Amino acid sequence: MTSGVGRRLLDFLRELRATTTWTVVVTETGTGSKWDLGGSTWQATVIVEPRRWLGLEFEARDPVSGRRATYDIDTDLYDISQDGQREFADEIERDIIEFLGNLRQRALLRGNDGAKFVLVFPLDGSYVRVVQGRFMTHASTHDSLTGGDYVPAE
């Protein structure tokens, strides 16, 4: 079994709970914990089950129009309890920590690009641009911050 999976993420979440004004509700499960986080224009759920799954579900909303966009980072169906998946689990853990760190530092932006609601944030040296379509969300990676009228997600 992979040891240490989720430990850095849990330490980071505990530090967030102590240093932010976010709403934080923690529910312990038999195999891990669920962290519900919230701000005035966003909400997130982080699940840390080291023997099974690591994941972040994020949703931001425009307080004026009510439009929403979602973004998920997770270990999918990979068996992260196996040592062979350690590097993958570590990468997902790093991405979740970086995403939440950007949110805390007000580097996660929301806004409009024409008629579309958009999220933009730095991740792993690039910018991820998430566009909420009519039925699906589309994410693309860019070298720099691209078009739109953005404000920090708060």
C-alpha atoms as a PDB file:
ATOM      1  CA  MET A   1       0.000   0.000   0.000  1.00  0.00           C
ATOM      2  CA  THR A   2       1.135   3.546  -0.751  1.00  0.00           C
ATOM      3  CA  SER A   3       1.964   5.401   2.436  1.00  0.00           C
ATOM      4  CA  GLY A   4       1.717   9.142   2.813  1.00  0.00           C
ATOM      5  CA  VAL A   5      -0.819   9.726   0.037  1.00  0.00           C
ATOM      6  CA  GLY A   6      -2.917  12.748   0.963  1.00  0.00           C
ATOM      7  CA  ARG A   7      -0.784  13.772   3.934  1.00  0.00           C
ATOM      8  CA  ARG A   8       0.469  17.026   2.350  1.00  0.00           C
ATOM      9  CA  LEU A   9      -3.058  17.817   1.183  1.00  0.00           C
ATOM     10  CA  LEU A  10      -4.491  17.290   4.666  1.00  0.00           C
ATOM     11  CA  ASP A  11      -1.767  19.468   6.203  1.00  0.00           C
ATOM     12  CA  PHE A  12      -2.548  22.164   3.622  1.00  0.00           C
ATOM     13  CA  LEU A  13      -6.304  21.962   4.290  1.00  0.00           C
ATOM     14  CA  ARG A  14      -5.748  22.264   8.043  1.00  0.00           C
ATOM     15  CA  GLU A  15      -3.578  25.321   7.451  1.00  0.00           C
ATOM     16  CA  LEU A  16      -6.278  26.850   5.216  1.00  0.00           C
ATOM     17  CA  ARG A  17      -8.881  26.295   7.917  1.00  0.00           C
ATOM     18  CA  ALA A  18      -6.688  28.190  10.395  1.00  0.00           C
ATOM     19  CA  THR A  19      -5.663  31.077   8.112  1.00  0.00           C
ATOM     20  CA  THR A  20      -8.594  31.910   5.812  1.00  0.00           C
ATOM     21  CA  THR A  21     -12.041  33.363   6.306  1.00  0.00           C
ATOM     22  CA  TRP A  22     -13.539  30.629   4.137  1.00  0.00           C
ATOM     23  CA  THR A  23     -16.347  28.479   5.376  1.00  0.00           C
ATOM     24  CA  VAL A  24     -14.797  25.093   6.177  1.00  0.00           C
ATOM     25  CA  VAL A  25     -16.796  22.030   7.194  1.00  0.00           C
ATOM     26  CA  VAL A  26     -14.938  18.764   7.720  1.00  0.00           C
ATOM     27  CA  THR A  27     -16.665  15.403   7.754  1.00  0.00           C
ATOM     28  CA  GLU A  28     -14.641  12.382   8.777  1.00  0.00           C
ATOM     29  CA  THR A  29     -15.447   9.176   6.929  1.00  0.00           C
ATOM     30  CA  GLY A  30     -14.371   5.657   7.738  1.00  0.00           C
ATOM     31  CA  THR A  31     -11.549   5.830   5.217  1.00  0.00           C
ATOM     32  CA  GLY A  32     -10.727   9.538   5.012  1.00  0.00           C
ATOM     33  CA  SER A  33     -12.271  12.970   5.157  1.00  0.00           C
ATOM     34  CA  LYS A  34     -14.452  15.331   3.156  1.00  0.00           C
ATOM     35  CA  TRP A  35     -13.708  19.055   3.262  1.00  0.00           C
ATOM     36  CA  ASP A  36     -16.465  21.445   2.131  1.00  0.00           C
ATOM     37  CA  LEU A  37     -14.966  24.880   1.487  1.00  0.00           C
ATOM     38  CA  GLY A  38     -16.793  28.033   0.492  1.00  0.00           C
ATOM     39  CA  GLY A  39     -16.391  31.670  -0.379  1.00  0.00           C
ATOM     40  CA  SER A  40     -18.920  34.244  -1.522  1.00  0.00           C
ATOM     41  CA  THR A  41     -18.663  33.297  -5.234  1.00  0.00           C
ATOM     42  CA  TRP A  42     -17.450  29.694  -5.095  1.00  0.00           C
ATOM     43  CA  GLN A  43     -17.688  26.377  -3.338  1.00  0.00           C
ATOM     44  CA  ALA A  44     -15.416  23.355  -3.330  1.00  0.00           C
ATOM     45  CA  THR A  45     -15.368  19.841  -1.985  1.00  0.00           C
ATOM     46  CA  VAL A  46     -12.087  18.071  -1.356  1.00  0.00           C
ATOM     47  CA  ILE A  47     -12.127  14.348  -0.651  1.00  0.00           C
ATOM     48  CA  VAL A  48      -9.078  12.703   0.849  1.00  0.00           C
ATOM     49  CA  GLU A  49      -9.330   8.922   0.992  1.00  0.00           C
ATOM     50  CA  PRO A  50      -5.673   7.827   0.834  1.00  0.00           C
ATOM     51  CA  ARG A  51      -6.482   4.182   0.129  1.00  0.00           C
ATOM     52  CA  ARG A  52      -8.876   4.982  -2.712  1.00  0.00           C
ATOM     53  CA  TRP A  53      -9.189   8.497  -4.062  1.00  0.00           C
ATOM     54  CA  LEU A  54      -8.084  12.145  -3.939  1.00  0.00           C
ATOM     55  CA  GLY A  55     -10.310  14.749  -5.512  1.00  0.00           C
ATOM     56  CA  LEU A  56     -11.431  18.363  -5.772  1.00  0.00           C
ATOM     57  CA  GLU A  57     -14.786  19.492  -7.137  1.00  0.00           C
ATOM     58  CA  PHE A  58     -14.933  23.264  -7.642  1.00  0.00           C
ATOM     59  CA  GLU A  59     -17.790  25.513  -8.749  1.00  0.00           C
ATOM     60  CA  ALA A  60     -17.672  29.281  -9.221  1.00  0.00           C
ATOM     61  CA  ARG A  61     -20.655  31.499  -9.952  1.00  0.00           C
ATOM     62  CA  ASP A  62     -21.252  34.974 -11.253  1.00  0.00           C
ATOM     63  CA  PRO A  63     -23.242  36.750  -8.514  1.00  0.00           C
ATOM     64  CA  VAL A  64     -24.947  39.012 -11.079  1.00  0.00           C
ATOM     65  CA  SER A  65     -25.953  36.593 -13.843  1.00  0.00           C
ATOM     66  CA  GLY A  66     -25.992  33.392 -11.806  1.00  0.00           C
ATOM     67  CA  ARG A  67     -23.919  31.621 -14.469  1.00  0.00           C
ATOM     68  CA  ARG A  68     -21.624  28.873 -13.180  1.00  0.00           C
ATOM     69  CA  ALA A  69     -18.488  27.002 -14.161  1.00  0.00           C
ATOM     70  CA  THR A  70     -17.054  23.845 -12.657  1.00  0.00           C
ATOM     71  CA  TYR A  71     -13.601  22.276 -12.553  1.00  0.00           C
ATOM     72  CA  ASP A  72     -12.484  18.937 -11.112  1.00  0.00           C
ATOM     73  CA  ILE A  73      -9.094  17.463 -10.282  1.00  0.00           C
ATOM     74  CA  ASP A  74      -9.031  13.838  -9.153  1.00  0.00           C
ATOM     75  CA  THR A  75      -7.299  10.488  -9.321  1.00  0.00           C
ATOM     76  CA  ASP A  76     -10.099   9.107 -11.501  1.00  0.00           C
ATOM     77  CA  LEU A  77     -10.305   5.308 -11.411  1.00  0.00           C
ATOM     78  CA  TYR A  78      -6.605   4.717 -10.733  1.00  0.00           C
ATOM     79  CA  ASP A  79      -5.888   2.451  -7.766  1.00  0.00           C
ATOM     80  CA  ILE A  80      -3.789   4.864  -5.725  1.00  0.00           C
ATOM     81  CA  SER A  81      -3.314   2.257  -3.010  1.00  0.00           C
ATOM     82  CA  GLN A  82      -0.745   0.623  -5.323  1.00  0.00           C
ATOM     83  CA  ASP A  83       2.863   1.775  -5.092  1.00  0.00           C
ATOM     84  CA  GLY A  84       2.983   1.949  -8.898  1.00  0.00           C
ATOM     85  CA  GLN A  85       0.475   4.804  -8.789  1.00  0.00           C
ATOM     86  CA  ARG A  86       2.399   6.825  -6.176  1.00  0.00           C
ATOM     87  CA  GLU A  87       3.813   9.334  -8.659  1.00  0.00           C
ATOM     88  CA  PHE A  88       0.374   9.921 -10.198  1.00  0.00           C
ATOM     89  CA  ALA A  89      -1.245  10.369  -6.774  1.00  0.00           C
ATOM     90  CA  ASP A  90       1.518  12.813  -5.782  1.00  0.00           C
ATOM     91  CA  GLU A  91       0.917  14.816  -8.972  1.00  0.00           C
ATOM     92  CA  ILE A  92      -2.833  15.064  -8.328  1.00  0.00           C
ATOM     93  CA  GLU A  93      -2.166  16.052  -4.712  1.00  0.00           C
ATOM     94  CA  ARG A  94       0.226  18.806  -5.904  1.00  0.00           C
ATOM     95  CA  ASP A  95      -2.336  20.071  -8.440  1.00  0.00           C
ATOM     96  CA  ILE A  96      -5.093  20.295  -5.806  1.00  0.00           C
ATOM     97  CA  ILE A  97      -2.789  22.142  -3.390  1.00  0.00           C
ATOM     98  CA  GLU A  98      -1.673  24.528  -6.148  1.00  0.00           C
ATOM     99  CA  PHE A  99      -5.286  25.167  -7.203  1.00  0.00           C
ATOM    100  CA  LEU A 100      -6.400  25.956  -3.645  1.00  0.00           C
ATOM    101  CA  GLY A 101      -3.268  28.054  -3.087  1.00  0.00           C
ATOM    102  CA  ASN A 102      -4.128  30.112  -6.169  1.00  0.00           C
ATOM    103  CA  LEU A 103      -7.657  30.518  -4.852  1.00  0.00           C
ATOM    104  CA  ARG A 104      -6.304  31.739  -1.511  1.00  0.00           C
ATOM    105  CA  GLN A 105      -3.903  34.159  -3.234  1.00  0.00           C
ATOM    106  CA  ARG A 106      -6.751  35.528  -5.390  1.00  0.00           C
ATOM    107  CA  ALA A 107      -5.028  34.247  -8.558  1.00  0.00           C
ATOM    108  CA  LEU A 108      -8.052  32.138  -9.512  1.00  0.00           C
ATOM    109  CA  LEU A 109     -10.117  34.458 -11.662  1.00  0.00           C
ATOM    110  CA  ARG A 110     -13.724  34.374 -12.835  1.00  0.00           C
ATOM    111  CA  GLY A 111     -15.390  36.470 -15.466  1.00  0.00           C
ATOM    112  CA  ASN A 112     -17.046  36.717 -18.811  1.00  0.00           C
ATOM    113  CA  ASP A 113     -15.693  36.345 -22.298  1.00  0.00           C
ATOM    114  CA  GLY A 114     -18.580  37.332 -24.522  1.00  0.00           C
ATOM    115  CA  ALA A 115     -21.597  35.286 -23.501  1.00  0.00           C
ATOM    116  CA  LYS A 116     -19.538  32.624 -21.732  1.00  0.00           C
ATOM    117  CA  PHE A 117     -18.670  32.392 -18.035  1.00  0.00           C
ATOM    118  CA  VAL A 118     -14.956  31.633 -17.634  1.00  0.00           C
ATOM    119  CA  LEU A 119     -12.489  30.582 -14.941  1.00  0.00           C
ATOM    120  CA  VAL A 120      -8.775  31.229 -15.420  1.00  0.00           C
ATOM    121  CA  PHE A 121      -5.976  30.152 -13.107  1.00  0.00           C
ATOM    122  CA  PRO A 122      -2.267  29.320 -13.166  1.00  0.00           C
ATOM    123  CA  LEU A 123      -1.409  25.642 -12.867  1.00  0.00           C
ATOM    124  CA  ASP A 124       1.928  23.955 -13.365  1.00  0.00           C
ATOM    125  CA  GLY A 125       3.527  26.902 -15.203  1.00  0.00           C
ATOM    126  CA  SER A 126       0.631  27.597 -17.594  1.00  0.00           C
ATOM    127  CA  TYR A 127      -2.826  29.144 -17.422  1.00  0.00           C
ATOM    128  CA  VAL A 128      -5.890  26.932 -17.487  1.00  0.00           C
ATOM    129  CA  ARG A 129      -8.975  28.504 -19.039  1.00  0.00           C
ATOM    130  CA  VAL A 130     -12.265  26.802 -18.167  1.00  0.00           C
ATOM    131  CA  VAL A 131     -15.310  27.728 -20.228  1.00  0.00           C
ATOM    132  CA  GLN A 132     -18.741  26.583 -19.190  1.00  0.00           C
ATOM    133  CA  GLY A 133     -20.671  25.605 -22.294  1.00  0.00           C
ATOM    134  CA  ARG A 134     -24.345  24.876 -22.583  1.00  0.00           C
ATOM    135  CA  PHE A 135     -23.931  21.230 -21.611  1.00  0.00           C
ATOM    136  CA  MET A 136     -20.247  20.640 -20.898  1.00  0.00           C
ATOM    137  CA  THR A 137     -17.215  22.369 -19.456  1.00  0.00           C
ATOM    138  CA  HIS A 138     -14.123  22.777 -21.635  1.00  0.00           C
ATOM    139  CA  ALA A 139     -10.631  23.381 -20.227  1.00  0.00           C
ATOM    140  CA  SER A 140      -7.655  24.512 -22.282  1.00  0.00           C
ATOM    141  CA  THR A 141      -4.067  25.414 -21.406  1.00  0.00           C
ATOM    142  CA  HIS A 142      -2.369  28.665 -22.482  1.00  0.00           C
ATOM    143  CA  ASP A 143       1.089  30.190 -22.058  1.00  0.00           C
ATOM    144  CA  SER A 144      -0.386  33.478 -20.824  1.00  0.00           C
ATOM    145  CA  LEU A 145      -3.596  34.962 -19.486  1.00  0.00           C
ATOM    146  CA  THR A 146      -5.977  35.279 -22.440  1.00  0.00           C
ATOM    147  CA  GLY A 147      -9.003  37.514 -23.199  1.00  0.00           C
ATOM    148  CA  GLY A 148     -11.912  38.312 -20.961  1.00  0.00           C
ATOM    149  CA  ASP A 149     -12.947  40.574 -18.141  1.00  0.00           C
ATOM    150  CA  TYR A 150     -11.830  38.841 -14.915  1.00  0.00           C
ATOM    151  CA  VAL A 151     -12.050  39.381 -11.163  1.00  0.00           C
ATOM    152  CA  PRO A 152     -10.753  37.127  -8.383  1.00  0.00           C
ATOM    153  CA  ALA A 153     -13.058  34.401  -7.130  1.00  0.00           C
ATOM    154  CA  GLU A 154     -13.790  35.359  -3.540  1.00  0.00           C
END
